[in-house]
C-alpha atoms as a PDB file:
ATOM      1  CA  UNK A   1       0.151  -0.116  -0.023  1.00  0.00           C
ATOM      2  CA  UNK A   2       1.075   3.200  -1.345  1.00  0.00           C
ATOM      3  CA  UNK A   3      -1.904   5.431   1.451  1.00  0.00           C
ATOM      4  CA  UNK A   4      -0.578   6.860   4.647  1.00  0.00           C
ATOM      5  CA  UNK A   5      -1.066   4.703   7.338  1.00  0.00           C
ATOM      6  CA  UNK A   6      -3.874   4.740  10.265  1.00  0.00           C
ATOM      7  CA  UNK A   7      -3.718   4.043  13.785  1.00  0.00           C
ATOM      8  CA  UNK A   8      -6.857   2.850  15.422  1.00  0.00           C
ATOM      9  CA  UNK A   9      -9.357   5.249  16.839  1.00  0.00           C
ATOM     10  CA  UNK A  10      -8.926   7.257  19.688  1.00  0.00           C
ATOM     11  CA  UNK A  11     -10.836   9.574  21.941  1.00  0.00           C
ATOM     12  CA  UNK A  12     -10.292  13.026  20.707  1.00  0.00           C
ATOM     13  CA  UNK A  13     -10.036  15.408  23.532  1.00  0.00           C
ATOM     14  CA  UNK A  14     -12.317  18.050  22.184  1.00  0.00           C
ATOM     15  CA  UNK A  15     -15.400  15.570  21.617  1.00  0.00           C
ATOM     16  CA  UNK A  16     -16.812  12.217  22.729  1.00  0.00           C
ATOM     17  CA  UNK A  17     -16.753  10.745  19.635  1.00  0.00           C
ATOM     18  CA  UNK A  18     -14.450   8.631  18.463  1.00  0.00           C
ATOM     19  CA  UNK A  19     -12.129   9.389  15.210  1.00  0.00           C
ATOM     20  CA  UNK A  20      -9.901   7.990  12.783  1.00  0.00           C
ATOM     21  CA  UNK A  21      -6.580   9.890  12.783  1.00  0.00           C
ATOM     22  CA  UNK A  22      -4.185   9.378   9.934  1.00  0.00           C
ATOM     23  CA  UNK A  23      -0.502   9.728  10.974  1.00  0.00           C
ATOM     24  CA  UNK A  24       1.475  11.668   9.230  1.00  0.00           C
ATOM     25  CA  UNK A  25       4.599  10.386   7.547  1.00  0.00           C
ATOM     26  CA  UNK A  26       8.174  11.522   8.988  1.00  0.00           C
ATOM     27  CA  UNK A  27       9.456  13.939   7.249  1.00  0.00           C
ATOM     28  CA  UNK A  28      13.506  12.488   5.672  1.00  0.00           C
ATOM     29  CA  UNK A  29      16.862  14.202   6.387  1.00  0.00           C
ATOM     30  CA  UNK A  30      17.541  17.554   5.274  1.00  0.00           C
ATOM     31  CA  UNK A  31      20.609  17.932   3.695  1.00  0.00           C
ATOM     32  CA  UNK A  32      22.724  20.908   3.624  1.00  0.00           C
ATOM     33  CA  UNK A  33      25.534  22.020   1.079  1.00  0.00           C
ATOM     34  CA  UNK A  34      25.864  24.924   3.971  1.00  0.00           C
ATOM     35  CA  UNK A  35      25.674  26.350   7.625  1.00  0.00           C
ATOM     36  CA  UNK A  36      21.891  27.192   7.486  1.00  0.00           C
ATOM     37  CA  UNK A  37      20.843  30.455   8.700  1.00  0.00           C
ATOM     38  CA  UNK A  38      17.356  31.248   8.201  1.00  0.00           C
ATOM     39  CA  UNK A  39      14.021  30.188   9.460  1.00  0.00           C
ATOM     40  CA  UNK A  40      11.626  28.001   7.674  1.00  0.00           C
ATOM     41  CA  UNK A  41       7.421  28.042   7.292  1.00  0.00           C
ATOM     42  CA  UNK A  42       8.361  25.339   9.197  1.00  0.00           C
ATOM     43  CA  UNK A  43      10.047  26.640  12.216  1.00  0.00           C
ATOM     44  CA  UNK A  44      12.936  26.098  14.256  1.00  0.00           C
ATOM     45  CA  UNK A  45      16.211  27.525  12.615  1.00  0.00           C
ATOM     46  CA  UNK A  46      18.501  24.913  11.144  1.00  0.00           C
ATOM     47  CA  UNK A  47      22.123  26.547  12.255  1.00  0.00           C
ATOM     48  CA  UNK A  48      24.046  23.392  12.568  1.00  0.00           C
ATOM     49  CA  UNK A  49      23.711  21.282   9.946  1.00  0.00           C
ATOM     50  CA  UNK A  50      27.257  21.593   7.968  1.00  0.00           C
ATOM     51  CA  UNK A  51      29.278  20.533   4.761  1.00  0.00           C
ATOM     52  CA  UNK A  52      25.901  17.979   3.554  1.00  0.00           C
ATOM     53  CA  UNK A  53      25.720  17.000   6.928  1.00  0.00           C
ATOM     54  CA  UNK A  54      22.162  15.318   7.646  1.00  0.00           C
ATOM     55  CA  UNK A  55      19.488  17.721   9.497  1.00  0.00           C
ATOM     56  CA  UNK A  56      19.472  15.618  13.047  1.00  0.00           C
ATOM     57  CA  UNK A  57      18.012  18.639  14.576  1.00  0.00           C
ATOM     58  CA  UNK A  58      14.056  17.983  15.061  1.00  0.00           C
ATOM     59  CA  UNK A  59      11.555  21.026  13.277  1.00  0.00           C
ATOM     60  CA  UNK A  60       9.835  22.488  15.537  1.00  0.00           C
ATOM     61  CA  UNK A  61       8.457  26.378  16.289  1.00  0.00           C
ATOM     62  CA  UNK A  62      10.921  28.826  16.093  1.00  0.00           C
ATOM     63  CA  UNK A  63      12.621  30.075  19.624  1.00  0.00           C
ATOM     64  CA  UNK A  64      14.374  33.083  20.048  1.00  0.00           C
ATOM     65  CA  UNK A  65      15.517  35.267  23.482  1.00  0.00           C
ATOM     66  CA  UNK A  66      14.834  38.147  24.554  1.00  0.00           C
ATOM     67  CA  UNK A  67      17.520  40.289  22.677  1.00  0.00           C
ATOM     68  CA  UNK A  68      15.793  38.091  19.043  1.00  0.00           C
ATOM     69  CA  UNK A  69      18.747  36.142  19.213  1.00  0.00           C
ATOM     70  CA  UNK A  70      17.713  32.385  17.633  1.00  0.00           C
ATOM     71  CA  UNK A  71      18.345  29.928  20.169  1.00  0.00           C
ATOM     72  CA  UNK A  72      20.292  26.588  19.499  1.00  0.00           C
ATOM     73  CA  UNK A  73      18.161  23.516  19.978  1.00  0.00           C
ATOM     74  CA  UNK A  74      18.683  21.758  23.222  1.00  0.00           C
ATOM     75  CA  UNK A  75      18.536  18.289  21.597  1.00  0.00           C
ATOM     76  CA  UNK A  76      21.598  19.345  19.418  1.00  0.00           C
ATOM     77  CA  UNK A  77      24.412  16.748  19.609  1.00  0.00           C
ATOM     78  CA  UNK A  78      27.880  17.465  20.871  1.00  0.00           C
ATOM     79  CA  UNK A  79      28.818  17.081  17.073  1.00  0.00           C
ATOM     80  CA  UNK A  80      26.976  19.816  15.755  1.00  0.00           C
ATOM     81  CA  UNK A  81      28.049  21.923  18.743  1.00  0.00           C
ATOM     82  CA  UNK A  82      31.610  21.349  17.610  1.00  0.00           C
ATOM     83  CA  UNK A  83      31.037  21.696  13.897  1.00  0.00           C
ATOM     84  CA  UNK A  84      29.268  25.219  14.340  1.00  0.00           C
ATOM     85  CA  UNK A  85      31.995  26.782  16.177  1.00  0.00           C
ATOM     86  CA  UNK A  86      34.263  25.361  13.626  1.00  0.00           C
ATOM     87  CA  UNK A  87      32.669  26.797  11.307  1.00  0.00           C
ATOM     88  CA  UNK A  88      34.858  29.991   9.913  1.00  0.00           C
ATOM     89  CA  UNK A  89      30.808  31.216   8.052  1.00  0.00           C
ATOM     90  CA  UNK A  90      29.236  30.748  11.375  1.00  0.00           C
ATOM     91  CA  UNK A  91      26.709  33.518  11.656  1.00  0.00           C
ATOM     92  CA  UNK A  92      27.562  36.629  14.334  1.00  0.00           C
ATOM     93  CA  UNK A  93      24.075  35.972  15.373  1.00  0.00           C
ATOM     94  CA  UNK A  94      24.779  32.360  16.616  1.00  0.00           C
ATOM     95  CA  UNK A  95      27.793  33.110  18.242  1.00  0.00           C
ATOM     96  CA  UNK A  96      26.138  35.592  20.456  1.00  0.00           C
ATOM     97  CA  UNK A  97      23.428  33.395  21.288  1.00  0.00           C
ATOM     98  CA  UNK A  98      25.751  30.880  22.356  1.00  0.00           C
ATOM     99  CA  UNK A  99      27.499  32.886  24.434  1.00  0.00           C
ATOM    100  CA  UNK A 100      24.691  33.535  26.733  1.00  0.00           C
ATOM    101  CA  UNK A 101      23.990  29.621  26.854  1.00  0.00           C
ATOM    102  CA  UNK A 102      23.050  28.541  30.313  1.00  0.00           C
ATOM    103  CA  UNK A 103      25.432  25.426  29.164  1.00  0.00           C
ATOM    104  CA  UNK A 104      29.458  26.706  30.766  1.00  0.00           C
ATOM    105  CA  UNK A 105      30.299  23.511  28.539  1.00  0.00           C
ATOM    106  CA  UNK A 106      28.809  25.290  25.566  1.00  0.00           C
ATOM    107  CA  UNK A 107      30.357  28.774  26.644  1.00  0.00           C
ATOM    108  CA  UNK A 108      33.543  26.788  27.263  1.00  0.00           C
ATOM    109  CA  UNK A 109      33.643  25.382  23.887  1.00  0.00           C
ATOM    110  CA  UNK A 110      32.939  28.531  22.360  1.00  0.00           C
ATOM    111  CA  UNK A 111      36.158  30.294  24.273  1.00  0.00           C
ATOM    112  CA  UNK A 112      38.354  27.841  23.053  1.00  0.00           C
ATOM    113  CA  UNK A 113      37.464  27.575  19.064  1.00  0.00           C
ATOM    114  CA  UNK A 114      39.935  30.033  17.266  1.00  0.00           C
ATOM    115  CA  UNK A 115      36.888  30.905  15.091  1.00  0.00           C
ATOM    116  CA  UNK A 116      35.182  32.954  18.166  1.00  0.00           C
ATOM    117  CA  UNK A 117      34.875  36.869  17.629  1.00  0.00           C
ATOM    118  CA  UNK A 118      37.074  39.250  19.398  1.00  0.00           C
ATOM    119  CA  UNK A 119      33.695  40.545  21.007  1.00  0.00           C
ATOM    120  CA  UNK A 120      32.822  37.282  22.238  1.00  0.00           C
ATOM    121  CA  UNK A 121      36.179  36.199  23.377  1.00  0.00           C
ATOM    122  CA  UNK A 122      35.545  39.587  25.504  1.00  0.00           C
ATOM    123  CA  UNK A 123      32.684  38.880  26.968  1.00  0.00           C
ATOM    124  CA  UNK A 124      33.485  35.292  28.020  1.00  0.00           C
ATOM    125  CA  UNK A 125      36.607  36.783  29.372  1.00  0.00           C
ATOM    126  CA  UNK A 126      34.179  37.946  31.973  1.00  0.00           C
ATOM    127  CA  UNK A 127      32.662  34.704  32.535  1.00  0.00           C
ATOM    128  CA  UNK A 128      31.873  33.821  36.243  1.00  0.00           C
ATOM    129  CA  UNK A 129      32.796  30.558  35.625  1.00  0.00           C
ATOM    130  CA  UNK A 130      36.690  29.928  35.722  1.00  0.00           C
ATOM    131  CA  UNK A 131      37.132  27.191  33.327  1.00  0.00           C
ATOM    132  CA  UNK A 132      35.611  29.741  30.523  1.00  0.00           C
ATOM    133  CA  UNK A 133      38.072  32.279  31.327  1.00  0.00           C
ATOM    134  CA  UNK A 134      41.209  29.924  31.321  1.00  0.00           C
ATOM    135  CA  UNK A 135      40.036  28.381  27.630  1.00  0.00           C
ATOM    136  CA  UNK A 136      40.019  32.578  26.598  1.00  0.00           C
ATOM    137  CA  UNK A 137      43.066  33.028  28.066  1.00  0.00           C
ATOM    138  CA  UNK A 138      44.588  30.383  25.766  1.00  0.00           C
ATOM    139  CA  UNK A 139      42.606  31.404  22.924  1.00  0.00           C
ATOM    140  CA  UNK A 140      45.392  32.005  20.380  1.00  0.00           C
ATOM    141  CA  UNK A 141      42.790  34.045  18.671  1.00  0.00           C
ATOM    142  CA  UNK A 142      42.024  36.238  21.916  1.00  0.00           C
ATOM    143  CA  UNK A 143      42.388  40.120  21.720  1.00  0.00           C
ATOM    144  CA  UNK A 144      45.642  41.975  23.745  1.00  0.00           C
ATOM    145  CA  UNK A 145      43.364  43.739  25.389  1.00  0.00           C
ATOM    146  CA  UNK A 146      41.524  40.879  26.713  1.00  0.00           C
ATOM    147  CA  UNK A 147      44.840  38.763  27.593  1.00  0.00           C
ATOM    148  CA  UNK A 148      46.525  41.808  29.638  1.00  0.00           C
ATOM    149  CA  UNK A 149      43.039  41.929  31.539  1.00  0.00           C
ATOM    150  CA  UNK A 150      43.032  38.149  32.399  1.00  0.00           C
ATOM    151  CA  UNK A 151      46.963  38.107  33.119  1.00  0.00           C
ATOM    152  CA  UNK A 152      45.792  39.490  36.565  1.00  0.00           C
ATOM    153  CA  UNK A 153      43.081  37.266  36.913  1.00  0.00           C
ATOM    154  CA  UNK A 154      42.358  36.185  40.466  1.00  0.00           C
ATOM    155  CA  UNK A 155      42.272  32.176  39.793  1.00  0.00           C
ATOM    156  CA  UNK A 156      45.920  30.598  38.758  1.00  0.00           C
ATOM    157  CA  UNK A 157      44.482  28.409  36.249  1.00  0.00           C
ATOM    158  CA  UNK A 158      43.355  31.399  34.107  1.00  0.00           C
ATOM    159  CA  UNK A 159      46.521  33.020  34.624  1.00  0.00           C
ATOM    160  CA  UNK A 160      48.334  29.885  33.872  1.00  0.00           C
ATOM    161  CA  UNK A 161      46.474  29.764  30.005  1.00  0.00           C
ATOM    162  CA  UNK A 162      47.691  33.171  29.608  1.00  0.00           C
ATOM    163  CA  UNK A 163      51.049  31.798  30.172  1.00  0.00           C
ATOM    164  CA  UNK A 164      50.738  29.392  28.048  1.00  0.00           C
ATOM    165  CA  UNK A 165      49.157  31.351  25.123  1.00  0.00           C
ATOM    166  CA  UNK A 166      52.498  31.697  22.455  1.00  0.00           C
ATOM    167  CA  UNK A 167      49.848  34.711  20.954  1.00  0.00           C
ATOM    168  CA  UNK A 168      50.135  36.722  24.551  1.00  0.00           C
ATOM    169  CA  UNK A 169      51.323  39.767  24.553  1.00  0.00           C
ATOM    170  CA  UNK A 170      54.739  41.107  26.188  1.00  0.00           C
ATOM    171  CA  UNK A 171      53.358  43.046  28.651  1.00  0.00           C
ATOM    172  CA  UNK A 172      51.750  39.530  29.858  1.00  0.00           C
ATOM    173  CA  UNK A 173      54.510  37.940  29.633  1.00  0.00           C
ATOM    174  CA  UNK A 174      56.238  40.230  31.678  1.00  0.00           C
ATOM    175  CA  UNK A 175      53.476  40.797  34.016  1.00  0.00           C
ATOM    176  CA  UNK A 176      53.308  36.665  34.668  1.00  0.00           C
ATOM    177  CA  UNK A 177      56.806  36.880  34.963  1.00  0.00           C
ATOM    178  CA  UNK A 178      56.516  38.532  38.646  1.00  0.00           C
ATOM    179  CA  UNK A 179      53.672  36.092  39.145  1.00  0.00           C
ATOM    180  CA  UNK A 180      53.653  35.438  43.539  1.00  0.00           C
ATOM    181  CA  UNK A 181      52.843  31.623  41.953  1.00  0.00           C
ATOM    182  CA  UNK A 182      56.882  30.276  41.154  1.00  0.00           C
ATOM    183  CA  UNK A 183      54.744  27.261  38.764  1.00  0.00           C
ATOM    184  CA  UNK A 184      53.476  30.740  36.494  1.00  0.00           C
ATOM    185  CA  UNK A 185      56.846  31.956  36.111  1.00  0.00           C
ATOM    186  CA  UNK A 186      57.839  28.137  35.048  1.00  0.00           C
ATOM    187  CA  UNK A 187      55.180  28.507  32.227  1.00  0.00           C
ATOM    188  CA  UNK A 188      55.720  31.723  31.132  1.00  0.00           C
ATOM    189  CA  UNK A 189      59.897  30.965  29.995  1.00  0.00           C
ATOM    190  CA  UNK A 190      58.447  27.464  28.439  1.00  0.00           C
ATOM    191  CA  UNK A 191      56.351  30.107  26.483  1.00  0.00           C
ATOM    192  CA  UNK A 192      58.171  30.061  22.612  1.00  0.00           C
ATOM    193  CA  UNK A 193      57.172  33.544  22.740  1.00  0.00           C
ATOM    194  CA  UNK A 194      58.915  34.360  26.170  1.00  0.00           C
ATOM    195  CA  UNK A 195      61.502  37.245  25.481  1.00  0.00           C
ATOM    196  CA  UNK A 196      64.979  36.634  25.526  1.00  0.00           C
ATOM    197  CA  UNK A 197      65.442  38.855  28.342  1.00  0.00           C
ATOM    198  CA  UNK A 198      63.138  37.054  30.662  1.00  0.00           C
ATOM    199  CA  UNK A 199      65.165  34.238  30.160  1.00  0.00           C
ATOM    200  CA  UNK A 200      68.019  35.912  31.187  1.00  0.00           C
ATOM    201  CA  UNK A 201      67.138  37.251  33.722  1.00  0.00           C
ATOM    202  CA  UNK A 202      65.367  33.907  35.237  1.00  0.00           C
ATOM    203  CA  UNK A 203      68.946  31.814  34.571  1.00  0.00           C
ATOM    204  CA  UNK A 204      70.413  33.396  37.862  1.00  0.00           C
ATOM    205  CA  UNK A 205      66.875  33.164  39.775  1.00  0.00           C
ATOM    206  CA  UNK A 206      67.313  31.649  43.269  1.00  0.00           C
ATOM    207  CA  UNK A 207      64.580  28.372  42.562  1.00  0.00           C
ATOM    208  CA  UNK A 208      67.033  25.291  41.063  1.00  0.00           C
ATOM    209  CA  UNK A 209      63.601  24.290  39.071  1.00  0.00           C
ATOM    210  CA  UNK A 210      63.411  27.882  37.471  1.00  0.00           C
ATOM    211  CA  UNK A 211      66.915  27.996  36.258  1.00  0.00           C
ATOM    212  CA  UNK A 212      66.571  24.587  34.819  1.00  0.00           C
ATOM    213  CA  UNK A 213      63.598  25.791  32.645  1.00  0.00           C
ATOM    214  CA  UNK A 214      65.174  29.099  31.607  1.00  0.00           C
ATOM    215  CA  UNK A 215      68.053  26.657  30.605  1.00  0.00           C
ATOM    216  CA  UNK A 216      65.771  24.654  28.598  1.00  0.00           C
ATOM    217  CA  UNK A 217      64.501  27.202  26.657  1.00  0.00           C
ATOM    218  CA  UNK A 218      65.752  27.125  23.271  1.00  0.00           C
ATOM    219  CA  UNK A 219      65.987  30.845  22.849  1.00  0.00           C
ATOM    220  CA  UNK A 220      68.499  31.308  25.995  1.00  0.00           C
ATOM    221  CA  UNK A 221      71.987  32.604  24.997  1.00  0.00           C
ATOM    222  CA  UNK A 222      75.208  30.572  24.407  1.00  0.00           C
ATOM    223  CA  UNK A 223      76.788  32.775  27.478  1.00  0.00           C
ATOM    224  CA  UNK A 224      73.853  32.118  29.452  1.00  0.00           C
ATOM    225  CA  UNK A 225      73.826  28.335  28.286  1.00  0.00           C
ATOM    226  CA  UNK A 226      77.925  28.031  29.458  1.00  0.00           C
ATOM    227  CA  UNK A 227      77.228  29.663  32.627  1.00  0.00           C
ATOM    228  CA  UNK A 228      74.199  27.206  33.534  1.00  0.00           C
ATOM    229  CA  UNK A 229      76.296  24.070  32.098  1.00  0.00           C
ATOM    230  CA  UNK A 230      78.525  25.114  35.278  1.00  0.00           C
ATOM    231  CA  UNK A 231      75.755  24.978  37.919  1.00  0.00           C
ATOM    232  CA  UNK A 232      75.921  23.139  41.284  1.00  0.00           C
ATOM    233  CA  UNK A 233      72.486  21.255  40.443  1.00  0.00           C
ATOM    234  CA  UNK A 234      72.223  18.296  38.041  1.00  0.00           C
ATOM    235  CA  UNK A 235      68.632  19.680  36.939  1.00  0.00           C
ATOM    236  CA  UNK A 236      70.107  22.632  35.724  1.00  0.00           C
ATOM    237  CA  UNK A 237      72.069  21.296  33.447  1.00  0.00           C
ATOM    238  CA  UNK A 238      70.243  18.314  32.201  1.00  0.00           C
ATOM    239  CA  UNK A 239      67.903  21.389  31.436  1.00  0.00           C
ATOM    240  CA  UNK A 240      70.844  22.258  29.216  1.00  0.00           C
ATOM    241  CA  UNK A 241      71.471  18.915  27.869  1.00  0.00           C
ATOM    242  CA  UNK A 242      67.824  19.032  26.467  1.00  0.00           C
ATOM    243  CA  UNK A 243      68.474  22.323  25.120  1.00  0.00           C
ATOM    244  CA  UNK A 244      68.252  21.933  21.286  1.00  0.00           C
ATOM    245  CA  UNK A 245      69.767  24.916  20.208  1.00  0.00           C
ATOM    246  CA  UNK A 246      72.929  23.914  23.067  1.00  0.00           C
ATOM    247  CA  UNK A 247      76.182  23.703  21.013  1.00  0.00           C
ATOM    248  CA  UNK A 248      78.081  20.957  20.702  1.00  0.00           C
ATOM    249  CA  UNK A 249      80.868  22.272  22.359  1.00  0.00           C
ATOM    250  CA  UNK A 250      78.789  22.586  26.002  1.00  0.00           C
ATOM    251  CA  UNK A 251      77.560  18.707  24.784  1.00  0.00           C
ATOM    252  CA  UNK A 252      81.321  17.685  24.691  1.00  0.00           C
ATOM    253  CA  UNK A 253      81.718  19.048  28.336  1.00  0.00           C
ATOM    254  CA  UNK A 254      78.755  17.322  29.576  1.00  0.00           C
ATOM    255  CA  UNK A 255      78.976  14.384  28.299  1.00  0.00           C
ATOM    256  CA  UNK A 256      82.520  13.657  30.102  1.00  0.00           C
ATOM    257  CA  UNK A 257      80.204  13.730  33.312  1.00  0.00           C
ATOM    258  CA  UNK A 258      79.611  10.652  35.236  1.00  0.00           C
ATOM    259  CA  UNK A 259      75.723  11.093  35.932  1.00  0.00           C
ATOM    260  CA  UNK A 260      72.911   8.534  34.073  1.00  0.00           C
ATOM    261  CA  UNK A 261      70.439  11.618  34.279  1.00  0.00           C
ATOM    262  CA  UNK A 262      72.927  13.838  32.663  1.00  0.00           C
ATOM    263  CA  UNK A 263      74.238  11.631  30.136  1.00  0.00           C
ATOM    264  CA  UNK A 264      70.611  10.227  28.397  1.00  0.00           C
ATOM    265  CA  UNK A 265      69.682  13.783  27.985  1.00  0.00           C
ATOM    266  CA  UNK A 266      72.976  14.682  26.163  1.00  0.00           C
ATOM    267  CA  UNK A 267      72.292  11.562  24.431  1.00  0.00           C
ATOM    268  CA  UNK A 268      69.123  12.189  23.390  1.00  0.00           C
ATOM    269  CA  UNK A 269      69.698  16.022  21.695  1.00  0.00           C
ATOM    270  CA  UNK A 270      69.409  16.245  18.435  1.00  0.00           C
ATOM    271  CA  UNK A 271      71.967  18.276  18.754  1.00  0.00           C
ATOM    272  CA  UNK A 272      74.593  15.948  19.694  1.00  0.00           C
ATOM    273  CA  UNK A 273      77.298  15.244  17.363  1.00  0.00           C
ATOM    274  CA  UNK A 274      77.891  12.192  15.821  1.00  0.00           C
ATOM    275  CA  UNK A 275      81.397  11.152  17.611  1.00  0.00           C
ATOM    276  CA  UNK A 276      79.437  11.727  21.512  1.00  0.00           C
ATOM    277  CA  UNK A 277      76.632   9.010  19.933  1.00  0.00           C
ATOM    278  CA  UNK A 278      79.163   7.006  19.401  1.00  0.00           C
ATOM    279  CA  UNK A 279      81.174   7.355  22.414  1.00  0.00           C
ATOM    280  CA  UNK A 280      77.883   7.006  24.446  1.00  0.00           C
ATOM    281  CA  UNK A 281      76.849   3.747  22.234  1.00  0.00           C
ATOM    282  CA  UNK A 282      79.152   1.931  24.458  1.00  0.00           C
ATOM    283  CA  UNK A 283      78.618   3.443  27.559  1.00  0.00           C
ATOM    284  CA  UNK A 284      78.114   0.787  30.347  1.00  0.00           C
ATOM    285  CA  UNK A 285      74.328   1.821  31.782  1.00  0.00           C
ATOM    286  CA  UNK A 286      71.665   0.583  29.349  1.00  0.00           C
ATOM    287  CA  UNK A 287      69.829   3.506  29.901  1.00  0.00           C
ATOM    288  CA  UNK A 288      71.925   6.217  28.356  1.00  0.00           C
ATOM    289  CA  UNK A 289      73.157   3.618  25.348  1.00  0.00           C
ATOM    290  CA  UNK A 290      69.477   3.049  24.060  1.00  0.00           C
ATOM    291  CA  UNK A 291      68.863   6.917  24.368  1.00  0.00           C
ATOM    292  CA  UNK A 292      71.713   7.502  22.288  1.00  0.00           C
ATOM    293  CA  UNK A 293      70.666   4.446  19.718  1.00  0.00           C
ATOM    294  CA  UNK A 294      67.033   6.596  19.469  1.00  0.00           C
ATOM    295  CA  UNK A 295      68.359   9.635  18.379  1.00  0.00           C
ATOM    296  CA  UNK A 296      67.051  10.347  15.349  1.00  0.00           C
ATOM    297  CA  UNK A 297      70.397  12.042  13.907  1.00  0.00           C
ATOM    298  CA  UNK A 298      72.430   8.797  14.482  1.00  0.00           C
ATOM    299  CA  UNK A 299      74.115   7.723  11.284  1.00  0.00           C
ATOM    300  CA  UNK A 300      72.187   4.308  10.410  1.00  0.00           C
ATOM    301  CA  UNK A 301      75.549   2.350  10.065  1.00  0.00           C
ATOM    302  CA  UNK A 302      76.598   3.051  13.122  1.00  0.00           C
ATOM    303  CA  UNK A 303      73.837   2.175  14.884  1.00  0.00           C
ATOM    304  CA  UNK A 304      73.543  -1.204  12.446  1.00  0.00           C
ATOM    305  CA  UNK A 305      77.527  -1.705  14.078  1.00  0.00           C
ATOM    306  CA  UNK A 306      76.272  -1.213  17.481  1.00  0.00           C
ATOM    307  CA  UNK A 307      72.967  -3.575  17.121  1.00  0.00           C
ATOM    308  CA  UNK A 308      75.070  -6.329  15.458  1.00  0.00           C
ATOM    309  CA  UNK A 309      77.841  -5.484  18.627  1.00  0.00           C
ATOM    310  CA  UNK A 310      74.750  -5.681  21.147  1.00  0.00           C
ATOM    311  CA  UNK A 311      73.753  -9.487  19.763  1.00  0.00           C
END
């Protein structure tokens, strides 16, 4: 039968008579070739269907907030929301509506998205939820003014997000370098955008872990690296040995020190010369020899000879 199917007779709510109700066929999935930002006569704004995907948001009456912005369906899946915030053609009205969403998880997804408009990121930087502000602090698209304000946030997790952000302005990084929390100062030193002046200043810090973090930064000047390579703390010298920009002459000096952790960092350094790697392959400590064998810059012929000798 091609006609519509019928259901058993049911009592109409407005009548005492039994009526025959014809069930309507379920609408098929609506394919979309682009982000839809309009409403249809059927109702709800289907603002989450991207790149030809089927419509999974059920059709219903249109809903708008008190500002006249369309509301996202509460039945939209998490994957649909990820596709919305990751679409560079997402309409501004959708960003505006989602930025006022009652769920902190939705606002957090917005704050994390690199496509989030600067005005929305500025609003979310004042969000009462700490995790939302942390996502804004780590967003590479966050404006400099927003990051300068977040570096003074009362929550250390938010300040750490600014310290990790490679797009953070120098002013924010200098402010966080004086943070009372030493962990945040170390996070600044791990940032690839950390100014050289801060690295030079922290290379003489009182805390050994701070000096070790400064020693491992690729932008650390060579005079400071040479001085740190003679530091009394072995952890600081390990930071020098792990620095990918460490000169071969310093690695040569460190390779003659009899310390497992230090020699392991020297052997794993991609800048380590071949003659040092060959010497460390014959070291009695298996951890050192394995680190040298796993170094991707080691010549295949040398590695093959070591493997034959170890069999």
